Each structure stands twice: as C-alpha cells, then as structure tokens.
Full PDB file with SEQRES, HELIX, SHEET, SSBOND, CRYST1, ORIGX, SCALE, CONECT and MASTER records, all heavy atoms in Angstrom:
SEQRES   1 A   37  SER LEU ARG LEU SER CYS ALA ALA SER GLY SER PHE PHE          
SEQRES   2 A   37  SER VAL TYR THR MET GLY TRP TYR ARG GLN ALA PRO GLY          
SEQRES   3 A   37  LYS GLN ARG GLU LEU VAL ALA THR MET SER GLY                  
HELIX    1 AA1 PHE A   13  VAL A   15  5                                   3    
SHEET    1 AA1 2 MET A  18  ARG A  22  0                                        
SHEET    2 AA1 2 GLU A  30  MET A  35 -1                                        
CRYST1    1.000    1.000    1.000  90.00  90.00  90.00 P 1           1          
ORIGX1      1.000000  0.000000  0.000000        0.00000                         
ORIGX2      0.000000  1.000000  0.000000        0.00000                         
ORIGX3      0.000000  0.000000  1.000000        0.00000                         
SCALE1      1.000000  0.000000  0.000000        0.00000                         
SCALE2      0.000000  1.000000  0.000000        0.00000                         
SCALE3      0.000000  0.000000  1.000000        0.00000                         
ATOM      1  N   SER A   1     -23.278  -7.234 -11.423  1.00  0.00           N  
ATOM      2  CA  SER A   1     -22.870  -8.150 -12.453  1.00  0.00           C  
ATOM      3  C   SER A   1     -23.766  -7.933 -13.722  1.00  0.00           C  
ATOM      4  O   SER A   1     -24.906  -7.609 -13.523  1.00  0.00           O  
ATOM      5  CB  SER A   1     -22.821  -9.582 -12.134  1.00  0.00           C  
ATOM      6  OG  SER A   1     -21.951  -9.828 -11.076  1.00  0.00           O  
ATOM      7  N   LEU A   2     -23.118  -8.171 -14.903  1.00  0.00           N  
ATOM      8  CA  LEU A   2     -23.933  -8.220 -16.152  1.00  0.00           C  
ATOM      9  C   LEU A   2     -23.382  -9.296 -16.969  1.00  0.00           C  
ATOM     10  O   LEU A   2     -22.124  -9.534 -16.835  1.00  0.00           O  
ATOM     11  CB  LEU A   2     -23.874  -6.853 -16.813  1.00  0.00           C  
ATOM     12  CG  LEU A   2     -24.876  -5.782 -16.399  1.00  0.00           C  
ATOM     13  CD1 LEU A   2     -24.556  -4.491 -17.281  1.00  0.00           C  
ATOM     14  CD2 LEU A   2     -26.309  -6.117 -16.712  1.00  0.00           C  
ATOM     15  N   ARG A   3     -24.157  -9.699 -17.934  1.00  0.00           N  
ATOM     16  CA  ARG A   3     -23.640 -10.669 -18.925  1.00  0.00           C  
ATOM     17  C   ARG A   3     -23.988 -10.180 -20.253  1.00  0.00           C  
ATOM     18  O   ARG A   3     -25.135 -10.026 -20.599  1.00  0.00           O  
ATOM     19  CB  ARG A   3     -24.088 -12.170 -18.632  1.00  0.00           C  
ATOM     20  CG  ARG A   3     -23.642 -13.097 -19.648  1.00  0.00           C  
ATOM     21  CD  ARG A   3     -24.220 -14.476 -19.320  1.00  0.00           C  
ATOM     22  NE  ARG A   3     -23.794 -15.502 -20.169  1.00  0.00           N  
ATOM     23  CZ  ARG A   3     -22.680 -16.303 -19.894  1.00  0.00           C  
ATOM     24  NH1 ARG A   3     -22.135 -16.073 -18.773  1.00  0.00           N  
ATOM     25  NH2 ARG A   3     -22.280 -17.140 -20.712  1.00  0.00           N  
ATOM     26  N   LEU A   4     -22.978  -9.923 -21.078  1.00  0.00           N  
ATOM     27  CA  LEU A   4     -23.145  -9.538 -22.492  1.00  0.00           C  
ATOM     28  C   LEU A   4     -23.082 -10.680 -23.348  1.00  0.00           C  
ATOM     29  O   LEU A   4     -22.231 -11.670 -23.074  1.00  0.00           O  
ATOM     30  CB  LEU A   4     -22.202  -8.443 -22.842  1.00  0.00           C  
ATOM     31  CG  LEU A   4     -22.024  -7.172 -22.019  1.00  0.00           C  
ATOM     32  CD1 LEU A   4     -20.903  -6.264 -22.670  1.00  0.00           C  
ATOM     33  CD2 LEU A   4     -23.390  -6.480 -21.907  1.00  0.00           C  
ATOM     34  N   SER A   5     -23.861 -10.659 -24.319  1.00  0.00           N  
ATOM     35  CA  SER A   5     -23.864 -11.760 -25.379  1.00  0.00           C  
ATOM     36  C   SER A   5     -23.697 -11.218 -26.799  1.00  0.00           C  
ATOM     37  O   SER A   5     -24.244 -10.115 -27.047  1.00  0.00           O  
ATOM     38  CB  SER A   5     -25.016 -12.638 -25.274  1.00  0.00           C  
ATOM     39  OG  SER A   5     -25.200 -13.358 -24.169  1.00  0.00           O  
ATOM     40  N   CYS A   6     -23.115 -11.907 -27.641  1.00  0.00           N  
ATOM     41  CA  CYS A   6     -22.948 -11.438 -29.035  1.00  0.00           C  
ATOM     42  C   CYS A   6     -23.215 -12.725 -29.937  1.00  0.00           C  
ATOM     43  O   CYS A   6     -22.560 -13.723 -29.862  1.00  0.00           O  
ATOM     44  CB  CYS A   6     -21.560 -10.982 -29.325  1.00  0.00           C  
ATOM     45  SG  CYS A   6     -21.142 -10.580 -31.038  1.00  0.00           S  
ATOM     46  N   ALA A   7     -24.235 -12.481 -30.759  1.00  0.00           N  
ATOM     47  CA  ALA A   7     -24.634 -13.507 -31.815  1.00  0.00           C  
ATOM     48  C   ALA A   7     -24.090 -13.302 -33.159  1.00  0.00           C  
ATOM     49  O   ALA A   7     -24.253 -12.121 -33.555  1.00  0.00           O  
ATOM     50  CB  ALA A   7     -26.152 -13.716 -31.821  1.00  0.00           C  
ATOM     51  N   ALA A   8     -23.436 -14.303 -33.816  1.00  0.00           N  
ATOM     52  CA  ALA A   8     -22.733 -14.008 -35.024  1.00  0.00           C  
ATOM     53  C   ALA A   8     -23.497 -14.834 -36.082  1.00  0.00           C  
ATOM     54  O   ALA A   8     -23.895 -16.037 -35.917  1.00  0.00           O  
ATOM     55  CB  ALA A   8     -21.313 -14.466 -34.952  1.00  0.00           C  
ATOM     56  N   SER A   9     -23.752 -14.274 -37.247  1.00  0.00           N  
ATOM     57  CA  SER A   9     -24.263 -15.016 -38.322  1.00  0.00           C  
ATOM     58  C   SER A   9     -23.050 -15.414 -39.250  1.00  0.00           C  
ATOM     59  O   SER A   9     -21.945 -15.000 -39.017  1.00  0.00           O  
ATOM     60  CB  SER A   9     -25.141 -14.086 -39.251  1.00  0.00           C  
ATOM     61  OG  SER A   9     -24.402 -13.006 -39.753  1.00  0.00           O  
ATOM     62  N   GLY A  10     -23.278 -16.231 -40.213  1.00  0.00           N  
ATOM     63  CA  GLY A  10     -22.287 -16.619 -41.229  1.00  0.00           C  
ATOM     64  C   GLY A  10     -21.696 -17.897 -40.832  1.00  0.00           C  
ATOM     65  O   GLY A  10     -22.034 -18.527 -39.856  1.00  0.00           O  
ATOM     66  N   SER A  11     -20.669 -18.350 -41.638  1.00  0.00           N  
ATOM     67  CA  SER A  11     -20.152 -19.552 -41.475  1.00  0.00           C  
ATOM     68  C   SER A  11     -18.740 -19.597 -40.832  1.00  0.00           C  
ATOM     69  O   SER A  11     -18.153 -18.461 -40.765  1.00  0.00           O  
ATOM     70  CB  SER A  11     -19.990 -20.296 -42.933  1.00  0.00           C  
ATOM     71  OG  SER A  11     -21.245 -20.407 -43.618  1.00  0.00           O  
ATOM     72  N   PHE A  12     -18.289 -20.744 -40.531  1.00  0.00           N  
ATOM     73  CA  PHE A  12     -16.863 -20.792 -39.916  1.00  0.00           C  
ATOM     74  C   PHE A  12     -16.581 -19.988 -38.722  1.00  0.00           C  
ATOM     75  O   PHE A  12     -15.530 -19.539 -38.536  1.00  0.00           O  
ATOM     76  CB  PHE A  12     -15.856 -20.556 -41.061  1.00  0.00           C  
ATOM     77  CG  PHE A  12     -16.105 -21.379 -42.354  1.00  0.00           C  
ATOM     78  CD1 PHE A  12     -16.510 -20.699 -43.492  1.00  0.00           C  
ATOM     79  CD2 PHE A  12     -15.865 -22.591 -42.373  1.00  0.00           C  
ATOM     80  CE1 PHE A  12     -16.727 -21.496 -44.666  1.00  0.00           C  
ATOM     81  CE2 PHE A  12     -16.052 -23.408 -43.538  1.00  0.00           C  
ATOM     82  CZ  PHE A  12     -16.483 -22.778 -44.724  1.00  0.00           C  
ATOM     83  N   PHE A  13     -17.605 -19.897 -37.891  1.00  0.00           N  
ATOM     84  CA  PHE A  13     -17.416 -19.071 -36.725  1.00  0.00           C  
ATOM     85  C   PHE A  13     -16.296 -19.511 -35.817  1.00  0.00           C  
ATOM     86  O   PHE A  13     -15.487 -18.630 -35.292  1.00  0.00           O  
ATOM     87  CB  PHE A  13     -18.797 -19.147 -36.029  1.00  0.00           C  
ATOM     88  CG  PHE A  13     -18.802 -18.496 -34.422  1.00  0.00           C  
ATOM     89  CD1 PHE A  13     -18.973 -17.064 -34.509  1.00  0.00           C  
ATOM     90  CD2 PHE A  13     -18.400 -19.263 -33.400  1.00  0.00           C  
ATOM     91  CE1 PHE A  13     -18.875 -16.479 -33.171  1.00  0.00           C  
ATOM     92  CE2 PHE A  13     -18.420 -18.715 -32.149  1.00  0.00           C  
ATOM     93  CZ  PHE A  13     -18.641 -17.306 -32.117  1.00  0.00           C  
ATOM     94  N   SER A  14     -16.002 -20.797 -35.786  1.00  0.00           N  
ATOM     95  CA  SER A  14     -15.033 -21.391 -34.904  1.00  0.00           C  
ATOM     96  C   SER A  14     -13.594 -20.893 -35.187  1.00  0.00           C  
ATOM     97  O   SER A  14     -12.789 -20.857 -34.309  1.00  0.00           O  
ATOM     98  CB  SER A  14     -15.195 -22.857 -34.857  1.00  0.00           C  
ATOM     99  OG  SER A  14     -14.729 -23.425 -36.097  1.00  0.00           O  
ATOM    100  N   VAL A  15     -13.362 -20.497 -36.367  1.00  0.00           N  
ATOM    101  CA  VAL A  15     -12.008 -20.113 -36.649  1.00  0.00           C  
ATOM    102  C   VAL A  15     -11.728 -18.620 -36.561  1.00  0.00           C  
ATOM    103  O   VAL A  15     -10.538 -18.133 -36.452  1.00  0.00           O  
ATOM    104  CB  VAL A  15     -11.703 -20.408 -38.198  1.00  0.00           C  
ATOM    105  CG1 VAL A  15     -11.900 -21.747 -38.570  1.00  0.00           C  
ATOM    106  CG2 VAL A  15     -12.495 -19.479 -39.107  1.00  0.00           C  
ATOM    107  N   TYR A  16     -12.814 -17.909 -36.168  1.00  0.00           N  
ATOM    108  CA  TYR A  16     -12.600 -16.490 -36.034  1.00  0.00           C  
ATOM    109  C   TYR A  16     -12.137 -16.173 -34.569  1.00  0.00           C  
ATOM    110  O   TYR A  16     -12.647 -16.812 -33.632  1.00  0.00           O  
ATOM    111  CB  TYR A  16     -14.045 -15.717 -36.190  1.00  0.00           C  
ATOM    112  CG  TYR A  16     -14.213 -15.459 -37.644  1.00  0.00           C  
ATOM    113  CD1 TYR A  16     -14.781 -16.517 -38.490  1.00  0.00           C  
ATOM    114  CD2 TYR A  16     -14.237 -14.220 -38.246  1.00  0.00           C  
ATOM    115  CE1 TYR A  16     -15.045 -16.223 -39.741  1.00  0.00           C  
ATOM    116  CE2 TYR A  16     -14.443 -13.971 -39.619  1.00  0.00           C  
ATOM    117  CZ  TYR A  16     -14.862 -15.004 -40.271  1.00  0.00           C  
ATOM    118  OH  TYR A  16     -15.161 -14.809 -41.618  1.00  0.00           O  
ATOM    119  N   THR A  17     -11.336 -15.194 -34.353  1.00  0.00           N  
ATOM    120  CA  THR A  17     -11.101 -14.633 -33.084  1.00  0.00           C  
ATOM    121  C   THR A  17     -12.257 -13.748 -32.701  1.00  0.00           C  
ATOM    122  O   THR A  17     -12.672 -12.860 -33.495  1.00  0.00           O  
ATOM    123  CB  THR A  17      -9.763 -13.909 -33.049  1.00  0.00           C  
ATOM    124  OG1 THR A  17      -8.643 -14.839 -33.352  1.00  0.00           O  
ATOM    125  CG2 THR A  17      -9.530 -13.240 -31.738  1.00  0.00           C  
ATOM    126  N   MET A  18     -12.651 -13.898 -31.402  1.00  0.00           N  
ATOM    127  CA  MET A  18     -13.796 -13.047 -30.956  1.00  0.00           C  
ATOM    128  C   MET A  18     -13.304 -12.144 -29.911  1.00  0.00           C  
ATOM    129  O   MET A  18     -12.480 -12.634 -29.114  1.00  0.00           O  
ATOM    130  CB  MET A  18     -15.029 -13.872 -30.558  1.00  0.00           C  
ATOM    131  CG  MET A  18     -15.597 -14.810 -31.524  1.00  0.00           C  
ATOM    132  SD  MET A  18     -16.297 -14.000 -32.932  1.00  0.00           S  
ATOM    133  CE  MET A  18     -17.551 -13.118 -32.195  1.00  0.00           C  
ATOM    134  N   GLY A  19     -13.914 -10.991 -29.833  1.00  0.00           N  
ATOM    135  CA  GLY A  19     -13.387 -10.018 -28.813  1.00  0.00           C  
ATOM    136  C   GLY A  19     -14.456  -9.118 -28.434  1.00  0.00           C  
ATOM    137  O   GLY A  19     -15.454  -8.856 -29.080  1.00  0.00           O  
ATOM    138  N   TRP A  20     -14.190  -8.592 -27.195  1.00  0.00           N  
ATOM    139  CA  TRP A  20     -15.055  -7.426 -26.640  1.00  0.00           C  
ATOM    140  C   TRP A  20     -14.198  -6.260 -26.441  1.00  0.00           C  
ATOM    141  O   TRP A  20     -13.106  -6.417 -25.879  1.00  0.00           O  
ATOM    142  CB  TRP A  20     -15.692  -7.842 -25.346  1.00  0.00           C  
ATOM    143  CG  TRP A  20     -16.833  -8.818 -25.486  1.00  0.00           C  
ATOM    144  CD1 TRP A  20     -16.648 -10.113 -25.297  1.00  0.00           C  
ATOM    145  CD2 TRP A  20     -18.061  -8.646 -25.774  1.00  0.00           C  
ATOM    146  NE1 TRP A  20     -17.805 -10.815 -25.591  1.00  0.00           N  
ATOM    147  CE2 TRP A  20     -18.772  -9.785 -25.818  1.00  0.00           C  
ATOM    148  CE3 TRP A  20     -18.980  -7.457 -26.056  1.00  0.00           C  
ATOM    149  CZ2 TRP A  20     -20.086 -10.018 -26.100  1.00  0.00           C  
ATOM    150  CZ3 TRP A  20     -20.207  -7.624 -26.240  1.00  0.00           C  
ATOM    151  CH2 TRP A  20     -20.860  -8.780 -26.230  1.00  0.00           C  
ATOM    152  N   TYR A  21     -14.668  -5.114 -26.934  1.00  0.00           N  
ATOM    153  CA  TYR A  21     -14.071  -3.805 -26.798  1.00  0.00           C  
ATOM    154  C   TYR A  21     -15.043  -2.863 -26.165  1.00  0.00           C  
ATOM    155  O   TYR A  21     -16.221  -3.133 -26.166  1.00  0.00           O  
ATOM    156  CB  TYR A  21     -13.564  -3.289 -28.167  1.00  0.00           C  
ATOM    157  CG  TYR A  21     -12.350  -4.054 -28.850  1.00  0.00           C  
ATOM    158  CD1 TYR A  21     -12.606  -5.338 -29.200  1.00  0.00           C  
ATOM    159  CD2 TYR A  21     -11.180  -3.505 -28.956  1.00  0.00           C  
ATOM    160  CE1 TYR A  21     -11.564  -6.127 -29.873  1.00  0.00           C  
ATOM    161  CE2 TYR A  21     -10.079  -4.297 -29.411  1.00  0.00           C  
ATOM    162  CZ  TYR A  21     -10.278  -5.590 -29.905  1.00  0.00           C  
ATOM    163  OH  TYR A  21      -9.272  -6.243 -30.433  1.00  0.00           O  
ATOM    164  N   ARG A  22     -14.443  -1.795 -25.632  1.00  0.00           N  
ATOM    165  CA  ARG A  22     -15.337  -0.771 -25.091  1.00  0.00           C  
ATOM    166  C   ARG A  22     -14.945   0.523 -25.448  1.00  0.00           C  
ATOM    167  O   ARG A  22     -13.643   0.815 -25.598  1.00  0.00           O  
ATOM    168  CB  ARG A  22     -15.538  -0.849 -23.612  1.00  0.00           C  
ATOM    169  CG  ARG A  22     -14.277  -0.746 -22.791  1.00  0.00           C  
ATOM    170  CD  ARG A  22     -14.601  -1.204 -21.408  1.00  0.00           C  
ATOM    171  NE  ARG A  22     -13.390  -0.889 -20.452  1.00  0.00           N  
ATOM    172  CZ  ARG A  22     -13.273  -1.213 -19.138  1.00  0.00           C  
ATOM    173  NH1 ARG A  22     -14.407  -1.916 -18.661  1.00  0.00           N  
ATOM    174  NH2 ARG A  22     -12.208  -0.987 -18.545  1.00  0.00           N  
ATOM    175  N   GLN A  23     -15.862   1.620 -25.475  1.00  0.00           N  
ATOM    176  CA  GLN A  23     -15.504   2.987 -25.648  1.00  0.00           C  
ATOM    177  C   GLN A  23     -16.245   3.835 -24.589  1.00  0.00           C  
ATOM    178  O   GLN A  23     -17.588   3.832 -24.693  1.00  0.00           O  
ATOM    179  CB  GLN A  23     -15.747   3.431 -27.035  1.00  0.00           C  
ATOM    180  CG  GLN A  23     -15.248   4.737 -27.422  1.00  0.00           C  
ATOM    181  CD  GLN A  23     -15.194   4.951 -28.852  1.00  0.00           C  
ATOM    182  OE1 GLN A  23     -15.819   4.292 -29.751  1.00  0.00           O  
ATOM    183  NE2 GLN A  23     -14.432   5.994 -29.225  1.00  0.00           N  
ATOM    184  N   ALA A  24     -15.556   4.514 -23.780  1.00  0.00           N  
ATOM    185  CA  ALA A  24     -16.261   5.470 -22.908  1.00  0.00           C  
ATOM    186  C   ALA A  24     -16.326   6.816 -23.479  1.00  0.00           C  
ATOM    187  O   ALA A  24     -15.489   7.115 -24.352  1.00  0.00           O  
ATOM    188  CB  ALA A  24     -15.391   5.377 -21.530  1.00  0.00           C  
ATOM    189  N   PRO A  25     -17.178   7.662 -23.123  1.00  0.00           N  
ATOM    190  CA  PRO A  25     -17.254   8.977 -23.647  1.00  0.00           C  
ATOM    191  C   PRO A  25     -15.882   9.769 -23.642  1.00  0.00           C  
ATOM    192  O   PRO A  25     -15.341   9.862 -22.499  1.00  0.00           O  
ATOM    193  CB  PRO A  25     -18.306   9.647 -22.745  1.00  0.00           C  
ATOM    194  CG  PRO A  25     -19.149   8.567 -22.319  1.00  0.00           C  
ATOM    195  CD  PRO A  25     -18.188   7.472 -22.018  1.00  0.00           C  
ATOM    196  N   GLY A  26     -15.461  10.314 -24.757  1.00  0.00           N  
ATOM    197  CA  GLY A  26     -14.272  11.088 -24.796  1.00  0.00           C  
ATOM    198  C   GLY A  26     -13.089  10.293 -24.753  1.00  0.00           C  
ATOM    199  O   GLY A  26     -11.897  10.919 -24.687  1.00  0.00           O  
ATOM    200  N   LYS A  27     -13.140   8.999 -24.824  1.00  0.00           N  
ATOM    201  CA  LYS A  27     -11.926   8.182 -24.885  1.00  0.00           C  
ATOM    202  C   LYS A  27     -11.934   7.272 -25.995  1.00  0.00           C  
ATOM    203  O   LYS A  27     -12.962   6.993 -26.777  1.00  0.00           O  
ATOM    204  CB  LYS A  27     -12.061   7.231 -23.526  1.00  0.00           C  
ATOM    205  CG  LYS A  27     -11.862   8.000 -22.301  1.00  0.00           C  
ATOM    206  CD  LYS A  27     -11.732   7.029 -21.123  1.00  0.00           C  
ATOM    207  CE  LYS A  27     -11.452   7.790 -19.823  1.00  0.00           C  
ATOM    208  NZ  LYS A  27     -11.217   6.842 -18.695  1.00  0.00           N  
ATOM    209  N   GLN A  28     -10.716   6.620 -26.320  1.00  0.00           N  
ATOM    210  CA  GLN A  28     -10.590   5.734 -27.495  1.00  0.00           C  
ATOM    211  C   GLN A  28     -11.211   4.403 -27.079  1.00  0.00           C  
ATOM    212  O   GLN A  28     -11.236   4.008 -25.896  1.00  0.00           O  
ATOM    213  CB  GLN A  28      -9.067   5.700 -27.744  1.00  0.00           C  
ATOM    214  CG  GLN A  28      -8.517   6.964 -28.429  1.00  0.00           C  
ATOM    215  CD  GLN A  28      -7.075   6.721 -28.923  1.00  0.00           C  
ATOM    216  OE1 GLN A  28      -6.324   5.889 -28.389  1.00  0.00           O  
ATOM    217  NE2 GLN A  28      -6.697   7.357 -30.037  1.00  0.00           N  
ATOM    218  N   ARG A  29     -11.519   3.754 -28.064  1.00  0.00           N  
ATOM    219  CA  ARG A  29     -12.015   2.350 -28.007  1.00  0.00           C  
ATOM    220  C   ARG A  29     -10.825   1.533 -27.411  1.00  0.00           C  
ATOM    221  O   ARG A  29      -9.687   1.566 -27.989  1.00  0.00           O  
ATOM    222  CB  ARG A  29     -12.540   1.776 -29.313  1.00  0.00           C  
ATOM    223  CG  ARG A  29     -13.292   0.507 -29.175  1.00  0.00           C  
ATOM    224  CD  ARG A  29     -14.013   0.158 -30.502  1.00  0.00           C  
ATOM    225  NE  ARG A  29     -14.973   1.151 -30.937  1.00  0.00           N  
ATOM    226  CZ  ARG A  29     -15.797   0.915 -31.887  1.00  0.00           C  
ATOM    227  NH1 ARG A  29     -15.750  -0.041 -32.648  1.00  0.00           N  
ATOM    228  NH2 ARG A  29     -16.711   1.872 -32.259  1.00  0.00           N  
ATOM    229  N   GLU A  30     -11.032   0.653 -26.530  1.00  0.00           N  
ATOM    230  CA  GLU A  30      -9.953  -0.173 -26.045  1.00  0.00           C  
ATOM    231  C   GLU A  30     -10.362  -1.713 -25.931  1.00  0.00           C  
ATOM    232  O   GLU A  30     -11.590  -1.991 -25.754  1.00  0.00           O  
ATOM    233  CB  GLU A  30      -9.725   0.261 -24.557  1.00  0.00           C  
ATOM    234  CG  GLU A  30     -10.791   0.250 -23.570  1.00  0.00           C  
ATOM    235  CD  GLU A  30     -10.323   0.564 -22.099  1.00  0.00           C  
ATOM    236  OE1 GLU A  30      -9.199   1.114 -21.987  1.00  0.00           O  
ATOM    237  OE2 GLU A  30     -11.241   0.506 -21.264  1.00  0.00           O  
ATOM    238  N   LEU A  31      -9.477  -2.579 -25.846  1.00  0.00           N  
ATOM    239  CA  LEU A  31      -9.612  -3.966 -25.778  1.00  0.00           C  
ATOM    240  C   LEU A  31     -10.083  -4.235 -24.467  1.00  0.00           C  
ATOM    241  O   LEU A  31      -9.532  -3.689 -23.454  1.00  0.00           O  
ATOM    242  CB  LEU A  31      -8.416  -4.777 -26.233  1.00  0.00           C  
ATOM    243  CG  LEU A  31      -8.430  -6.126 -26.103  1.00  0.00           C  
ATOM    244  CD1 LEU A  31      -7.492  -6.747 -27.126  1.00  0.00           C  
ATOM    245  CD2 LEU A  31      -7.953  -6.726 -24.779  1.00  0.00           C  
ATOM    246  N   VAL A  32     -11.088  -5.221 -24.220  1.00  0.00           N  
ATOM    247  CA  VAL A  32     -11.471  -5.705 -23.003  1.00  0.00           C  
ATOM    248  C   VAL A  32     -11.031  -7.105 -22.847  1.00  0.00           C  
ATOM    249  O   VAL A  32     -10.387  -7.544 -21.895  1.00  0.00           O  
ATOM    250  CB  VAL A  32     -13.031  -5.620 -22.863  1.00  0.00           C  
ATOM    251  CG1 VAL A  32     -13.540  -6.215 -21.486  1.00  0.00           C  
ATOM    252  CG2 VAL A  32     -13.453  -4.143 -22.940  1.00  0.00           C  
ATOM    253  N   ALA A  33     -11.422  -7.969 -23.740  1.00  0.00           N  
ATOM    254  CA  ALA A  33     -11.079  -9.466 -23.766  1.00  0.00           C  
ATOM    255  C   ALA A  33     -11.177 -10.027 -25.111  1.00  0.00           C  
ATOM    256  O   ALA A  33     -12.041  -9.614 -25.982  1.00  0.00           O  
ATOM    257  CB  ALA A  33     -11.990 -10.175 -22.723  1.00  0.00           C  
ATOM    258  N   THR A  34     -10.305 -10.976 -25.451  1.00  0.00           N  
ATOM    259  CA  THR A  34     -10.397 -11.778 -26.786  1.00  0.00           C  
ATOM    260  C   THR A  34     -10.242 -13.182 -26.514  1.00  0.00           C  
ATOM    261  O   THR A  34      -9.629 -13.634 -25.465  1.00  0.00           O  
ATOM    262  CB  THR A  34      -9.333 -11.219 -27.730  1.00  0.00           C  
ATOM    263  OG1 THR A  34      -8.086 -11.554 -27.162  1.00  0.00           O  
ATOM    264  CG2 THR A  34      -9.369  -9.772 -27.962  1.00  0.00           C  
ATOM    265  N   MET A  35     -10.838 -13.897 -27.437  1.00  0.00           N  
ATOM    266  CA  MET A  35     -10.706 -15.372 -27.365  1.00  0.00           C  
ATOM    267  C   MET A  35     -10.522 -15.878 -28.722  1.00  0.00           C  
ATOM    268  O   MET A  35     -11.458 -15.690 -29.594  1.00  0.00           O  
ATOM    269  CB  MET A  35     -11.858 -15.977 -26.720  1.00  0.00           C  
ATOM    270  CG  MET A  35     -11.734 -17.494 -26.400  1.00  0.00           C  
ATOM    271  SD  MET A  35     -13.143 -18.043 -25.475  1.00  0.00           S  
ATOM    272  CE  MET A  35     -12.714 -19.708 -25.071  1.00  0.00           C  
ATOM    273  N   SER A  36      -9.424 -16.507 -29.090  1.00  0.00           N  
ATOM    274  CA  SER A  36      -9.073 -17.049 -30.366  1.00  0.00           C  
ATOM    275  C   SER A  36      -9.888 -18.260 -30.704  1.00  0.00           C  
ATOM    276  O   SER A  36     -10.578 -18.855 -29.813  1.00  0.00           O  
ATOM    277  CB  SER A  36      -7.613 -17.376 -30.593  1.00  0.00           C  
ATOM    278  OG  SER A  36      -7.319 -18.608 -29.818  1.00  0.00           O  
ATOM    279  N   GLY A  37      -9.869 -18.783 -31.940  1.00  0.00           N  
ATOM    280  CA  GLY A  37     -10.572 -19.903 -32.261  1.00  0.00           C  
ATOM    281  C   GLY A  37     -10.127 -21.192 -31.525  1.00  0.00           C  
ATOM    282  O   GLY A  37     -10.746 -22.044 -31.281  1.00  0.00           O  
TER     283      GLY A  37                                                      
MASTER        0    0    0    1    2    0    0    6  282    1    0    3          
END                                                                             
C-alpha cells in the first residue's frame, strides 16, 4: 500500500474538482480517480 497526498495553494479549494491521473512509460496519461467539490 501507499498513500499519495496533494497540497493545493490558492483560494476556493472546495469548489474545484480534484483528481489523480497516472502515466506509465510509453503510455498516455489516464484518469485514476476524481472527486468533485
């Protein structure tokens, strides 16, 4: 297991949709998970 964290600067964070994407070597970036405001 691993836990990734992302810290955001700026205002109005709660209205932003946040997401995690990943890109493996030789592959396109793909969606992993998203969470709306």
